N, C-alpha and C. Protein backbone atom coordinates (compact mmCIF):
# COMPACT_ATOMS: atom_id res chain seq x y z
N UNK A 1 -70.28 -25.25 89.73
CA UNK A 1 -69.82 -23.92 89.12
C UNK A 1 -69.15 -23.96 87.90
N UNK A 2 -69.46 -23.16 86.92
CA UNK A 2 -68.86 -23.26 85.70
C UNK A 2 -67.30 -22.54 85.70
N UNK A 3 -67.02 -21.71 86.64
CA UNK A 3 -65.83 -20.95 86.75
C UNK A 3 -64.51 -22.02 87.02
N UNK A 4 -63.40 -21.48 86.78
CA UNK A 4 -62.24 -22.35 87.10
C UNK A 4 -62.16 -22.37 88.53
N UNK A 5 -61.51 -23.52 89.07
CA UNK A 5 -61.44 -23.66 90.65
C UNK A 5 -60.95 -22.34 91.47
N UNK A 6 -59.74 -21.86 90.90
CA UNK A 6 -59.19 -20.72 91.66
C UNK A 6 -60.01 -19.44 91.51
N UNK A 7 -60.73 -19.37 90.38
CA UNK A 7 -61.54 -18.29 90.31
C UNK A 7 -62.79 -18.45 91.01
N UNK A 8 -63.39 -19.51 91.10
CA UNK A 8 -64.66 -19.89 91.96
C UNK A 8 -64.15 -19.72 93.51
N UNK A 9 -62.95 -19.97 93.81
CA UNK A 9 -62.82 -19.90 95.38
C UNK A 9 -62.53 -18.49 95.54
N UNK A 10 -62.01 -17.60 94.75
CA UNK A 10 -61.82 -16.18 94.88
C UNK A 10 -63.24 -15.48 95.15
N UNK A 11 -64.21 -15.85 94.16
CA UNK A 11 -65.53 -15.30 94.14
C UNK A 11 -66.39 -15.71 95.33
N UNK A 12 -66.23 -16.81 95.84
CA UNK A 12 -66.93 -17.38 97.14
C UNK A 12 -66.46 -16.51 98.35
N UNK A 13 -65.15 -16.58 98.41
CA UNK A 13 -64.37 -15.88 99.66
C UNK A 13 -64.72 -14.30 99.53
N UNK A 14 -64.46 -13.71 98.39
CA UNK A 14 -64.74 -12.21 98.35
C UNK A 14 -65.95 -11.75 98.71
N UNK A 15 -66.86 -12.47 97.99
CA UNK A 15 -68.48 -12.16 98.10
C UNK A 15 -68.82 -12.41 99.70
N UNK A 16 -68.30 -13.45 100.42
CA UNK A 16 -68.43 -13.58 101.72
C UNK A 16 -68.04 -12.54 102.61
N UNK A 17 -66.83 -12.05 102.33
CA UNK A 17 -66.13 -11.12 102.81
C UNK A 17 -66.82 -9.80 102.66
N UNK A 18 -67.40 -9.41 101.75
CA UNK A 18 -68.07 -8.22 101.58
C UNK A 18 -69.50 -8.19 101.80
N UNK A 19 -69.99 -9.38 101.79
CA UNK A 19 -71.67 -9.57 102.02
C UNK A 19 -72.31 -9.24 100.85
N UNK A 20 -71.90 -9.46 99.63
CA UNK A 20 -72.51 -9.04 98.42
C UNK A 20 -72.87 -10.35 97.63
N UNK A 21 -73.82 -10.23 96.71
CA UNK A 21 -74.04 -11.30 95.69
C UNK A 21 -72.78 -11.73 94.98
N UNK A 22 -72.50 -12.98 94.83
CA UNK A 22 -71.36 -13.54 94.21
C UNK A 22 -71.17 -12.99 92.70
N UNK A 23 -72.57 -12.69 92.06
CA UNK A 23 -72.22 -12.21 90.79
C UNK A 23 -71.64 -10.84 90.68
N UNK A 24 -71.69 -10.09 91.82
CA UNK A 24 -70.91 -8.88 91.85
C UNK A 24 -69.43 -8.92 91.86
N UNK A 25 -69.01 -9.97 92.23
CA UNK A 25 -67.48 -10.41 92.02
C UNK A 25 -67.04 -11.14 90.87
N UNK A 26 -68.00 -12.11 90.50
CA UNK A 26 -67.75 -12.83 89.31
C UNK A 26 -67.66 -12.20 87.96
N UNK A 27 -68.66 -11.29 87.85
CA UNK A 27 -68.85 -10.65 86.52
C UNK A 27 -67.66 -9.82 86.14
N UNK A 28 -67.14 -8.84 87.14
CA UNK A 28 -66.07 -8.07 86.79
C UNK A 28 -64.84 -8.88 86.66
N UNK A 29 -64.68 -9.91 87.54
CA UNK A 29 -63.63 -10.68 87.46
C UNK A 29 -63.43 -11.42 85.97
N UNK A 30 -64.67 -11.86 85.43
CA UNK A 30 -64.60 -12.43 84.00
C UNK A 30 -64.32 -11.39 83.09
N UNK A 31 -64.79 -10.35 83.24
CA UNK A 31 -64.35 -9.23 82.19
C UNK A 31 -62.85 -8.89 82.28
N UNK A 32 -62.51 -8.61 83.47
CA UNK A 32 -61.04 -8.51 83.65
C UNK A 32 -60.02 -9.55 83.13
N UNK A 33 -60.50 -10.84 83.26
CA UNK A 33 -59.59 -11.97 82.74
C UNK A 33 -59.75 -11.84 81.09
N UNK A 34 -60.96 -11.51 80.63
CA UNK A 34 -61.13 -11.45 79.09
C UNK A 34 -60.29 -10.21 78.55
N UNK A 35 -60.25 -9.20 79.28
CA UNK A 35 -59.37 -8.06 78.84
C UNK A 35 -57.79 -8.42 78.78
N UNK A 36 -57.37 -9.48 79.76
CA UNK A 36 -56.05 -9.93 79.99
C UNK A 36 -55.69 -10.77 78.75
N UNK A 37 -56.70 -11.53 78.35
CA UNK A 37 -56.57 -12.37 77.09
C UNK A 37 -56.40 -11.42 75.78
N UNK A 38 -57.49 -10.55 75.71
CA UNK A 38 -57.53 -9.60 74.62
C UNK A 38 -57.27 -10.24 73.30
N UNK A 39 -56.40 -9.71 72.42
CA UNK A 39 -56.15 -10.31 71.02
C UNK A 39 -55.20 -11.33 70.93
N UNK A 40 -54.78 -11.90 72.15
CA UNK A 40 -53.73 -12.94 72.19
C UNK A 40 -54.21 -14.03 71.62
N UNK A 41 -55.65 -14.44 71.85
CA UNK A 41 -56.43 -15.45 71.39
C UNK A 41 -57.63 -15.25 70.85
N UNK A 42 -58.12 -16.06 69.97
CA UNK A 42 -59.65 -16.06 69.35
C UNK A 42 -60.08 -17.38 69.31
N UNK A 43 -61.42 -17.50 69.52
CA UNK A 43 -62.06 -18.72 69.33
C UNK A 43 -62.63 -18.98 68.04
N UNK A 44 -62.44 -20.17 67.54
CA UNK A 44 -62.87 -20.33 66.04
C UNK A 44 -64.26 -21.21 66.36
N UNK A 45 -65.32 -20.63 65.96
CA UNK A 45 -66.59 -21.18 65.94
C UNK A 45 -66.98 -22.04 64.63
N UNK A 46 -66.56 -21.40 63.48
CA UNK A 46 -66.67 -22.01 62.35
C UNK A 46 -65.65 -21.68 61.28
N UNK A 47 -65.41 -22.25 60.33
CA UNK A 47 -64.29 -22.06 59.44
C UNK A 47 -64.48 -20.66 58.97
N UNK A 48 -63.61 -19.61 59.07
CA UNK A 48 -63.85 -18.19 58.78
C UNK A 48 -64.62 -17.45 59.69
N UNK A 49 -65.07 -18.07 60.84
CA UNK A 49 -65.65 -17.17 61.72
C UNK A 49 -65.00 -17.38 63.25
N UNK A 50 -64.32 -16.28 63.49
CA UNK A 50 -63.62 -16.24 64.88
C UNK A 50 -64.22 -15.00 65.78
N UNK A 51 -64.13 -15.30 67.06
CA UNK A 51 -64.70 -14.34 67.95
C UNK A 51 -63.30 -14.03 69.01
N UNK A 52 -63.17 -12.80 69.31
CA UNK A 52 -62.18 -12.29 70.44
C UNK A 52 -62.69 -12.46 71.84
N UNK A 53 -61.82 -12.53 72.68
CA UNK A 53 -62.19 -12.42 74.17
C UNK A 53 -62.45 -11.04 74.66
N UNK A 54 -63.68 -10.58 74.34
CA UNK A 54 -64.11 -9.32 74.60
C UNK A 54 -65.45 -9.35 75.40
N UNK A 55 -65.44 -8.90 76.61
CA UNK A 55 -66.63 -8.99 77.55
C UNK A 55 -67.12 -7.69 77.86
N UNK A 56 -68.30 -7.47 77.78
CA UNK A 56 -68.90 -6.03 78.44
C UNK A 56 -69.78 -6.70 79.48
N UNK A 57 -69.79 -5.95 80.76
CA UNK A 57 -70.55 -6.35 81.88
C UNK A 57 -71.03 -5.13 82.59
N UNK A 58 -72.22 -5.54 83.29
CA UNK A 58 -72.75 -4.30 84.11
C UNK A 58 -73.22 -4.96 85.46
N UNK A 59 -72.80 -4.43 86.69
CA UNK A 59 -73.25 -4.84 87.84
C UNK A 59 -74.60 -3.91 88.25
N UNK A 60 -75.80 -4.35 88.24
CA UNK A 60 -76.98 -3.68 88.30
C UNK A 60 -77.38 -4.00 89.86
N UNK A 61 -77.52 -2.76 90.50
CA UNK A 61 -77.95 -2.72 91.95
C UNK A 61 -78.26 -1.40 92.36
N UNK A 62 -78.95 -1.44 93.45
CA UNK A 62 -79.43 -0.16 93.98
C UNK A 62 -78.33 0.43 94.59
N UNK A 63 -78.54 1.83 94.90
CA UNK A 63 -77.37 2.61 95.67
C UNK A 63 -77.26 1.98 96.96
N UNK A 64 -75.98 1.65 97.28
CA UNK A 64 -75.77 0.97 98.78
C UNK A 64 -75.63 -0.39 98.68
N UNK A 65 -75.62 -1.08 97.40
CA UNK A 65 -75.68 -2.50 97.43
C UNK A 65 -74.29 -3.02 97.14
N UNK A 66 -73.22 -2.37 97.50
CA UNK A 66 -71.81 -2.67 97.62
C UNK A 66 -71.31 -2.90 96.14
N UNK A 67 -71.83 -2.32 95.14
CA UNK A 67 -71.39 -2.38 93.75
C UNK A 67 -69.93 -1.97 93.61
N UNK A 68 -69.47 -0.73 94.22
CA UNK A 68 -68.28 -0.33 93.99
C UNK A 68 -67.13 -0.90 94.64
N UNK A 69 -67.30 -1.36 96.08
CA UNK A 69 -66.49 -2.17 96.69
C UNK A 69 -66.18 -3.57 96.07
N UNK A 70 -67.27 -4.14 95.47
CA UNK A 70 -66.92 -5.55 94.67
C UNK A 70 -66.31 -5.12 93.48
N UNK A 71 -66.52 -4.13 92.68
CA UNK A 71 -65.85 -3.79 91.57
C UNK A 71 -64.31 -3.69 91.77
N UNK A 72 -64.11 -2.74 92.89
CA UNK A 72 -62.67 -2.61 93.25
C UNK A 72 -61.84 -3.94 93.66
N UNK A 73 -62.62 -4.68 94.49
CA UNK A 73 -61.83 -6.00 94.94
C UNK A 73 -61.57 -6.89 93.76
N UNK A 74 -62.49 -7.05 92.79
CA UNK A 74 -62.26 -8.00 91.85
C UNK A 74 -61.41 -7.59 90.86
N UNK A 75 -61.09 -6.35 90.57
CA UNK A 75 -60.09 -5.86 89.66
C UNK A 75 -58.90 -5.22 90.40
N UNK A 76 -58.55 -5.65 91.47
CA UNK A 76 -57.54 -5.08 92.30
C UNK A 76 -56.25 -5.51 91.66
N UNK A 77 -56.11 -6.65 91.08
CA UNK A 77 -54.86 -7.04 90.51
C UNK A 77 -54.62 -6.23 89.27
N UNK A 78 -55.77 -5.90 88.56
CA UNK A 78 -55.61 -4.98 87.23
C UNK A 78 -55.05 -3.67 87.58
N UNK A 79 -55.48 -3.12 88.72
CA UNK A 79 -55.08 -1.85 89.09
C UNK A 79 -53.67 -1.73 89.53
N UNK A 80 -53.19 -2.77 90.35
CA UNK A 80 -51.92 -3.01 90.56
C UNK A 80 -51.01 -3.33 89.55
N UNK A 81 -51.33 -4.03 88.51
CA UNK A 81 -50.56 -4.20 87.41
C UNK A 81 -50.28 -2.83 86.69
N UNK A 82 -51.31 -2.17 86.60
CA UNK A 82 -51.21 -0.74 85.88
C UNK A 82 -50.37 0.34 86.75
N UNK A 83 -50.46 0.20 88.12
CA UNK A 83 -49.50 1.00 88.90
C UNK A 83 -47.97 0.64 88.71
N UNK A 84 -47.93 -0.56 88.60
CA UNK A 84 -46.42 -0.97 88.48
C UNK A 84 -46.03 -0.58 87.03
N UNK A 85 -46.67 -0.62 86.02
CA UNK A 85 -46.35 -0.26 84.67
C UNK A 85 -46.18 1.20 84.56
N UNK A 86 -47.02 2.01 85.36
CA UNK A 86 -46.81 3.45 85.47
C UNK A 86 -45.37 3.79 86.26
N UNK A 87 -45.10 2.92 87.10
CA UNK A 87 -43.75 3.22 87.96
C UNK A 87 -42.55 2.90 86.91
N UNK A 88 -42.61 1.69 86.12
CA UNK A 88 -41.69 1.53 85.22
C UNK A 88 -41.56 2.42 84.09
N UNK A 89 -42.66 3.08 83.68
CA UNK A 89 -42.75 4.04 82.70
C UNK A 89 -42.01 5.28 83.18
N UNK A 90 -42.18 5.78 84.44
CA UNK A 90 -41.58 6.89 84.94
C UNK A 90 -40.18 6.66 84.94
N UNK A 91 -39.54 5.46 85.26
CA UNK A 91 -38.14 5.38 85.26
C UNK A 91 -37.62 5.27 83.78
N UNK A 92 -38.37 4.71 83.01
CA UNK A 92 -38.10 4.73 81.53
C UNK A 92 -37.99 6.14 80.99
N UNK A 93 -38.82 6.93 81.36
CA UNK A 93 -38.89 8.37 80.79
C UNK A 93 -37.72 9.20 81.35
N UNK A 94 -37.02 8.96 82.70
CA UNK A 94 -36.13 9.61 83.15
C UNK A 94 -34.93 9.24 82.34
N UNK A 95 -34.63 7.86 81.98
CA UNK A 95 -33.52 7.49 81.13
C UNK A 95 -33.69 8.13 79.74
N UNK A 96 -34.78 8.20 79.22
CA UNK A 96 -35.15 8.80 77.88
C UNK A 96 -34.73 10.14 77.93
N UNK A 97 -35.21 11.02 78.86
CA UNK A 97 -34.79 12.39 79.02
C UNK A 97 -33.24 12.52 79.01
N UNK A 98 -32.58 11.74 79.69
CA UNK A 98 -31.18 11.77 79.68
C UNK A 98 -30.48 11.47 78.31
N UNK A 99 -31.05 10.49 77.70
CA UNK A 99 -30.50 10.01 76.50
C UNK A 99 -30.84 11.08 75.40
N UNK A 100 -32.10 11.82 75.53
CA UNK A 100 -32.42 12.86 74.61
C UNK A 100 -31.64 14.10 74.81
N UNK A 101 -31.16 14.44 75.88
CA UNK A 101 -30.28 15.55 76.15
C UNK A 101 -29.02 15.20 75.55
N UNK A 102 -28.42 13.99 75.81
CA UNK A 102 -27.25 13.57 75.27
C UNK A 102 -27.12 13.70 73.53
N UNK A 103 -28.40 13.15 73.21
CA UNK A 103 -28.49 13.21 71.56
C UNK A 103 -28.31 14.59 71.17
N UNK A 104 -29.10 15.50 71.80
CA UNK A 104 -29.13 16.97 71.30
C UNK A 104 -27.77 17.54 71.24
N UNK A 105 -26.96 17.16 72.31
CA UNK A 105 -25.74 17.79 72.49
C UNK A 105 -24.81 17.07 71.35
N UNK A 106 -25.04 15.85 71.15
CA UNK A 106 -24.06 15.25 70.09
C UNK A 106 -24.58 15.75 68.65
N UNK A 107 -25.79 15.96 68.56
CA UNK A 107 -26.38 16.55 67.35
C UNK A 107 -25.68 18.03 66.79
N UNK A 108 -25.79 18.70 67.95
CA UNK A 108 -25.14 20.11 67.81
C UNK A 108 -23.69 20.05 67.50
N UNK A 109 -23.05 19.10 68.11
CA UNK A 109 -21.61 19.04 67.74
C UNK A 109 -21.25 18.45 66.30
N UNK A 110 -22.27 17.62 65.86
CA UNK A 110 -22.13 16.97 64.64
C UNK A 110 -22.34 18.27 63.39
N UNK A 111 -23.27 18.91 63.78
CA UNK A 111 -23.66 20.16 62.97
C UNK A 111 -22.65 21.13 62.76
N UNK A 112 -21.97 21.56 64.05
CA UNK A 112 -20.90 22.44 64.00
C UNK A 112 -19.70 22.10 63.42
N UNK A 113 -19.34 20.59 63.46
CA UNK A 113 -18.09 20.19 62.81
C UNK A 113 -18.31 19.88 61.28
N UNK A 114 -19.61 19.94 60.83
CA UNK A 114 -19.93 19.89 59.39
C UNK A 114 -19.40 18.48 58.98
N UNK A 115 -19.59 17.48 59.95
CA UNK A 115 -19.20 16.17 59.63
C UNK A 115 -20.03 15.63 58.40
N UNK A 116 -19.31 14.77 57.61
CA UNK A 116 -19.94 14.19 56.62
C UNK A 116 -20.41 12.62 56.91
N UNK A 117 -20.22 12.27 57.98
CA UNK A 117 -20.69 11.11 58.52
C UNK A 117 -22.04 10.97 58.88
N UNK A 118 -22.62 9.94 59.41
CA UNK A 118 -24.00 9.93 59.80
C UNK A 118 -24.40 10.69 60.99
N UNK A 119 -25.45 11.30 61.11
CA UNK A 119 -25.71 11.97 62.37
C UNK A 119 -26.08 10.97 63.49
N UNK A 120 -26.08 11.45 64.61
CA UNK A 120 -26.39 10.46 65.89
C UNK A 120 -27.84 10.08 65.81
N UNK A 121 -27.99 8.98 66.37
CA UNK A 121 -29.38 8.37 66.43
C UNK A 121 -30.14 8.98 67.49
N UNK A 122 -31.41 9.37 67.13
CA UNK A 122 -32.27 9.82 68.23
C UNK A 122 -32.95 8.75 69.00
N UNK A 123 -32.84 8.72 70.33
CA UNK A 123 -33.58 7.71 71.20
C UNK A 123 -34.97 7.60 70.96
N UNK A 124 -35.48 6.36 71.01
CA UNK A 124 -36.95 5.98 70.86
C UNK A 124 -37.68 6.45 72.30
N UNK A 125 -38.63 7.09 72.14
CA UNK A 125 -39.42 7.58 73.32
C UNK A 125 -40.33 6.39 73.86
N UNK A 126 -40.20 5.88 75.16
CA UNK A 126 -40.83 4.66 75.70
C UNK A 126 -42.41 4.93 75.68
N UNK A 127 -43.08 4.05 75.54
CA UNK A 127 -44.62 4.09 75.82
C UNK A 127 -44.98 3.25 77.09
N UNK A 128 -45.95 3.83 77.62
CA UNK A 128 -46.30 3.14 78.88
C UNK A 128 -47.30 1.96 78.47
N UNK A 129 -47.01 0.76 79.05
CA UNK A 129 -48.00 -0.44 79.13
C UNK A 129 -49.31 -0.03 79.75
N UNK A 130 -50.37 -0.27 78.97
CA UNK A 130 -51.61 0.18 79.68
C UNK A 130 -52.60 -1.04 79.59
N UNK A 131 -53.15 -1.41 80.77
CA UNK A 131 -54.23 -2.42 80.82
C UNK A 131 -55.57 -2.17 81.14
N UNK A 132 -55.87 -0.63 81.52
CA UNK A 132 -57.24 -0.19 81.78
C UNK A 132 -57.24 1.40 81.74
N UNK A 133 -58.26 1.77 81.46
CA UNK A 133 -58.57 3.22 81.62
C UNK A 133 -59.96 3.39 82.14
N UNK A 134 -60.46 4.67 82.34
CA UNK A 134 -61.69 4.78 83.14
C UNK A 134 -62.69 5.71 82.12
N UNK A 135 -62.04 6.88 81.58
CA UNK A 135 -62.90 7.65 80.74
C UNK A 135 -62.00 8.37 79.58
N UNK A 136 -62.28 7.68 78.36
CA UNK A 136 -61.53 8.36 77.28
C UNK A 136 -62.42 8.52 76.03
N UNK A 137 -61.82 9.39 75.09
CA UNK A 137 -62.69 9.64 74.01
C UNK A 137 -62.21 8.38 73.08
N UNK A 138 -62.88 8.40 71.87
CA UNK A 138 -62.61 7.29 71.03
C UNK A 138 -61.28 7.47 70.49
N UNK A 139 -60.87 8.74 70.11
CA UNK A 139 -59.54 8.89 69.56
C UNK A 139 -58.57 8.53 70.75
N UNK A 140 -58.65 9.03 71.79
CA UNK A 140 -57.75 8.55 72.86
C UNK A 140 -57.75 7.01 73.12
N UNK A 141 -58.70 6.37 73.01
CA UNK A 141 -58.78 4.93 73.01
C UNK A 141 -58.09 4.32 71.92
N UNK A 142 -58.20 4.97 70.70
CA UNK A 142 -57.56 4.36 69.43
C UNK A 142 -55.93 4.62 69.68
N UNK A 143 -55.45 5.70 70.26
CA UNK A 143 -53.94 5.82 70.51
C UNK A 143 -53.56 4.85 71.60
N UNK A 144 -54.43 4.60 72.59
CA UNK A 144 -53.86 3.48 73.66
C UNK A 144 -53.83 2.21 72.97
N UNK A 145 -54.87 1.99 72.06
CA UNK A 145 -54.94 0.52 71.43
C UNK A 145 -53.64 0.40 70.33
N UNK A 146 -53.45 1.58 69.80
CA UNK A 146 -52.09 1.56 68.87
C UNK A 146 -50.91 1.22 69.63
N UNK A 147 -50.66 1.62 70.81
CA UNK A 147 -49.54 1.37 71.78
C UNK A 147 -49.73 0.11 72.51
N UNK A 148 -50.96 -0.48 72.70
CA UNK A 148 -51.24 -1.75 73.44
C UNK A 148 -52.09 -2.68 72.58
N UNK A 149 -51.59 -3.21 71.51
CA UNK A 149 -52.37 -4.05 70.68
C UNK A 149 -53.10 -5.11 71.29
N UNK A 150 -52.70 -5.55 72.25
CA UNK A 150 -53.22 -6.73 72.88
C UNK A 150 -54.77 -6.33 73.28
N UNK A 151 -55.15 -5.11 73.55
CA UNK A 151 -56.39 -4.70 73.98
C UNK A 151 -56.26 -3.95 75.46
N UNK A 152 -57.60 -3.56 75.80
CA UNK A 152 -57.51 -2.77 77.04
C UNK A 152 -59.00 -2.83 77.61
N UNK A 153 -58.89 -2.65 79.23
CA UNK A 153 -60.23 -2.67 79.86
C UNK A 153 -60.50 -1.22 80.18
N UNK A 154 -61.85 -1.02 79.94
CA UNK A 154 -62.56 0.37 80.32
C UNK A 154 -63.45 0.12 81.73
N UNK A 155 -62.91 0.51 82.78
CA UNK A 155 -63.59 0.49 84.02
C UNK A 155 -64.38 1.81 84.45
N UNK A 156 -65.50 1.63 84.48
CA UNK A 156 -66.49 2.84 84.86
C UNK A 156 -67.24 2.38 86.08
N UNK A 157 -66.99 3.10 87.17
CA UNK A 157 -67.77 2.91 88.44
C UNK A 157 -69.19 3.28 88.38
N UNK A 158 -69.55 4.19 87.41
CA UNK A 158 -70.95 4.44 87.10
C UNK A 158 -71.03 4.47 85.70
N UNK A 159 -71.74 3.46 85.13
CA UNK A 159 -71.93 3.42 83.69
C UNK A 159 -72.95 4.38 83.07
N UNK A 160 -73.55 5.21 83.90
CA UNK A 160 -74.49 6.07 83.39
C UNK A 160 -73.87 7.12 82.52
N UNK A 161 -72.61 7.43 82.88
CA UNK A 161 -72.00 8.57 82.05
C UNK A 161 -71.48 7.83 80.78
N UNK A 162 -70.99 6.59 80.88
CA UNK A 162 -70.50 5.89 79.61
C UNK A 162 -71.74 5.71 78.62
N UNK A 163 -72.86 5.50 79.08
CA UNK A 163 -73.99 5.19 78.29
C UNK A 163 -74.43 6.45 77.63
N UNK A 164 -73.88 7.65 77.95
CA UNK A 164 -74.54 8.91 77.40
C UNK A 164 -73.53 9.09 76.05
N UNK A 165 -73.79 8.28 75.05
CA UNK A 165 -73.16 8.15 73.78
C UNK A 165 -72.90 9.61 73.15
N UNK A 166 -71.95 9.83 72.18
CA UNK A 166 -71.84 10.91 71.28
C UNK A 166 -71.77 12.21 72.06
N UNK A 167 -71.21 12.33 73.31
CA UNK A 167 -71.22 13.51 73.87
C UNK A 167 -70.16 14.53 73.19
N UNK A 168 -69.08 13.84 72.35
CA UNK A 168 -68.36 14.41 71.65
C UNK A 168 -68.55 14.80 70.23
N UNK A 169 -69.47 13.95 69.67
CA UNK A 169 -69.78 14.03 68.23
C UNK A 169 -70.71 15.18 67.87
N UNK A 170 -70.54 15.83 66.70
CA UNK A 170 -71.32 17.06 66.39
C UNK A 170 -72.78 16.71 66.14
N UNK A 171 -73.74 17.33 67.13
CA UNK A 171 -75.10 17.23 67.18
C UNK A 171 -75.46 15.84 67.36
N UNK A 172 -74.68 15.04 68.10
CA UNK A 172 -75.01 13.58 68.46
C UNK A 172 -75.45 12.67 67.34
N UNK A 173 -74.46 12.65 66.31
CA UNK A 173 -74.83 12.00 64.93
C UNK A 173 -74.58 10.37 65.18
N UNK A 174 -74.27 9.74 66.21
CA UNK A 174 -74.25 8.45 66.55
C UNK A 174 -72.63 7.71 66.33
N UNK A 175 -71.74 8.64 65.92
CA UNK A 175 -70.49 8.05 65.58
C UNK A 175 -69.84 7.43 66.67
N UNK A 176 -70.08 7.84 67.93
CA UNK A 176 -69.31 7.20 69.01
C UNK A 176 -69.85 5.88 69.33
N UNK A 177 -71.19 5.71 69.40
CA UNK A 177 -71.82 4.49 69.47
C UNK A 177 -71.45 3.46 68.71
N UNK A 178 -71.28 3.83 67.17
CA UNK A 178 -70.98 2.94 66.23
C UNK A 178 -69.46 2.47 66.38
N UNK A 179 -68.57 3.48 66.85
CA UNK A 179 -67.28 2.99 67.16
C UNK A 179 -67.13 1.92 68.24
N UNK A 180 -67.91 2.21 69.33
CA UNK A 180 -68.06 1.30 70.54
C UNK A 180 -68.46 -0.11 69.90
N UNK A 181 -69.31 -0.16 69.25
CA UNK A 181 -69.74 -1.65 68.60
C UNK A 181 -68.72 -2.16 67.81
N UNK A 182 -67.89 -1.30 67.12
CA UNK A 182 -66.84 -2.06 66.31
C UNK A 182 -65.82 -2.66 67.37
N UNK A 183 -65.51 -1.92 68.60
CA UNK A 183 -64.56 -2.27 69.47
C UNK A 183 -65.09 -3.48 70.24
N UNK A 184 -66.49 -3.73 70.45
CA UNK A 184 -67.03 -4.83 71.19
C UNK A 184 -66.73 -6.02 70.16
N UNK A 185 -66.83 -5.96 68.95
CA UNK A 185 -66.44 -7.25 67.99
C UNK A 185 -65.04 -7.38 67.76
N UNK A 186 -64.09 -6.40 68.28
CA UNK A 186 -62.71 -6.54 68.06
C UNK A 186 -62.31 -6.16 66.56
N UNK A 187 -63.10 -5.47 65.92
CA UNK A 187 -62.91 -5.21 64.61
C UNK A 187 -61.83 -3.85 64.23
N UNK A 188 -61.72 -3.59 63.10
CA UNK A 188 -60.64 -2.44 62.78
C UNK A 188 -61.42 -1.20 63.14
N UNK A 189 -60.59 -0.30 63.79
CA UNK A 189 -60.99 1.11 64.00
C UNK A 189 -60.01 2.02 63.27
N UNK A 190 -60.82 2.71 62.48
CA UNK A 190 -60.31 3.73 61.61
C UNK A 190 -60.85 4.98 61.78
N UNK A 191 -60.04 5.97 61.80
CA UNK A 191 -60.51 7.50 61.93
C UNK A 191 -59.62 8.38 61.20
N UNK A 192 -60.38 9.27 60.59
CA UNK A 192 -59.54 10.32 59.83
C UNK A 192 -59.76 11.86 60.43
N UNK A 193 -58.74 12.57 60.84
CA UNK A 193 -59.04 13.91 61.19
C UNK A 193 -57.75 14.80 60.42
N UNK A 194 -58.42 16.09 60.20
CA UNK A 194 -57.57 17.03 59.55
C UNK A 194 -56.20 17.35 60.38
N UNK A 195 -56.47 17.45 61.71
CA UNK A 195 -55.48 17.90 62.55
C UNK A 195 -54.54 16.76 62.89
N UNK A 196 -55.15 15.52 63.21
CA UNK A 196 -54.46 14.17 63.83
C UNK A 196 -53.96 13.36 62.84
N UNK A 197 -54.62 13.58 61.60
CA UNK A 197 -54.31 12.41 60.56
C UNK A 197 -55.26 11.22 60.71
N UNK A 198 -54.61 10.07 60.21
CA UNK A 198 -55.31 8.89 60.21
C UNK A 198 -55.13 8.07 61.40
N UNK A 199 -56.06 7.60 61.95
CA UNK A 199 -56.07 6.63 63.17
C UNK A 199 -56.58 5.26 62.78
N UNK A 200 -55.53 4.20 62.87
CA UNK A 200 -55.98 2.90 62.38
C UNK A 200 -55.52 1.89 63.43
N UNK A 201 -56.46 1.17 63.77
CA UNK A 201 -56.20 -0.12 64.84
C UNK A 201 -56.77 -1.36 64.30
N UNK A 202 -55.94 -2.31 63.82
CA UNK A 202 -56.44 -3.30 63.08
C UNK A 202 -57.53 -4.23 63.70
N UNK A 203 -57.28 -4.43 65.15
CA UNK A 203 -58.20 -5.24 65.99
C UNK A 203 -58.36 -4.42 67.35
N UNK A 204 -59.39 -3.67 67.47
CA UNK A 204 -59.55 -2.81 68.47
C UNK A 204 -60.40 -3.54 69.56
N UNK A 205 -59.79 -4.14 70.41
CA UNK A 205 -60.28 -4.93 71.65
C UNK A 205 -60.46 -4.20 72.90
N UNK A 206 -61.70 -3.87 73.19
CA UNK A 206 -61.96 -3.29 74.61
C UNK A 206 -63.04 -3.89 75.34
N UNK A 207 -62.67 -4.44 76.41
CA UNK A 207 -63.72 -4.95 77.30
C UNK A 207 -64.14 -3.82 78.37
N UNK A 208 -65.41 -3.94 78.85
CA UNK A 208 -65.96 -2.82 79.59
C UNK A 208 -66.73 -3.41 80.88
N UNK A 209 -66.51 -2.85 82.05
CA UNK A 209 -67.25 -3.24 83.22
C UNK A 209 -67.60 -1.96 83.92
N UNK A 210 -68.75 -2.07 84.80
CA UNK A 210 -69.09 -0.89 85.58
C UNK A 210 -70.29 -1.31 86.30
N UNK A 211 -70.76 -0.34 87.02
CA UNK A 211 -72.08 -0.55 87.82
C UNK A 211 -73.01 0.49 87.38
N UNK A 212 -74.39 0.27 87.67
CA UNK A 212 -75.36 1.06 87.35
C UNK A 212 -76.78 0.55 88.04
N UNK A 213 -77.53 1.60 88.56
CA UNK A 213 -78.76 1.21 89.26
C UNK A 213 -79.93 0.99 88.17
N UNK A 214 -80.76 0.14 88.81
CA UNK A 214 -81.92 -0.35 87.81
C UNK A 214 -82.64 0.82 87.25
N UNK A 215 -83.09 1.87 88.08
CA UNK A 215 -83.83 3.12 87.56
C UNK A 215 -83.15 3.70 86.45
N UNK A 216 -81.86 3.92 86.60
CA UNK A 216 -80.93 4.52 85.52
C UNK A 216 -80.94 3.67 84.27
N UNK A 217 -80.74 2.52 84.42
CA UNK A 217 -80.58 1.54 83.30
C UNK A 217 -81.81 1.58 82.49
N UNK A 218 -83.16 1.60 83.24
CA UNK A 218 -84.27 1.45 82.67
C UNK A 218 -84.63 2.84 81.73
């Protein structure tokens, strides 16, 4: 087995417990591990040629072949990590709201007293650490990647919806598919919008995993 020992043990025991093909566990597990590495490491193949740890995977099986339970089990630790990050962010936002209220009171006092000193400093709003998402537009993914430069994992229980590219592009001009290919290579992501301004991510690392039926894939 080419898998690291601890990973191989998990794959063997998890697939036996679910009664599914070991690939149904191994593939999402490898994609999840790749997303955890993200932009923190790159492999150098030749001088000037490096590649990031970005994997795309698809569990292909008929309906009822335990694709979804296998996907959930293999990525359970990723979901738990996200749940903990959400909890910490909720606590941080409560502290921020209190600090923001105190800042606004202090600023009002500073304005009334016509103080010549420096105004009070506004608190920085905390961002939530994200390790996965399920359905996001390119613009939303770009925002997540700006806040989480290490990279992110996209989990789609049904990949058929994800494969319907350019659902937000005018007349399906292929913009969304091109952006996804840039993210597969961990390349820069740049977008310019009149309303939201410029979106720039120097290394857009997005791994992807999901399930699909053979007929739909064909």
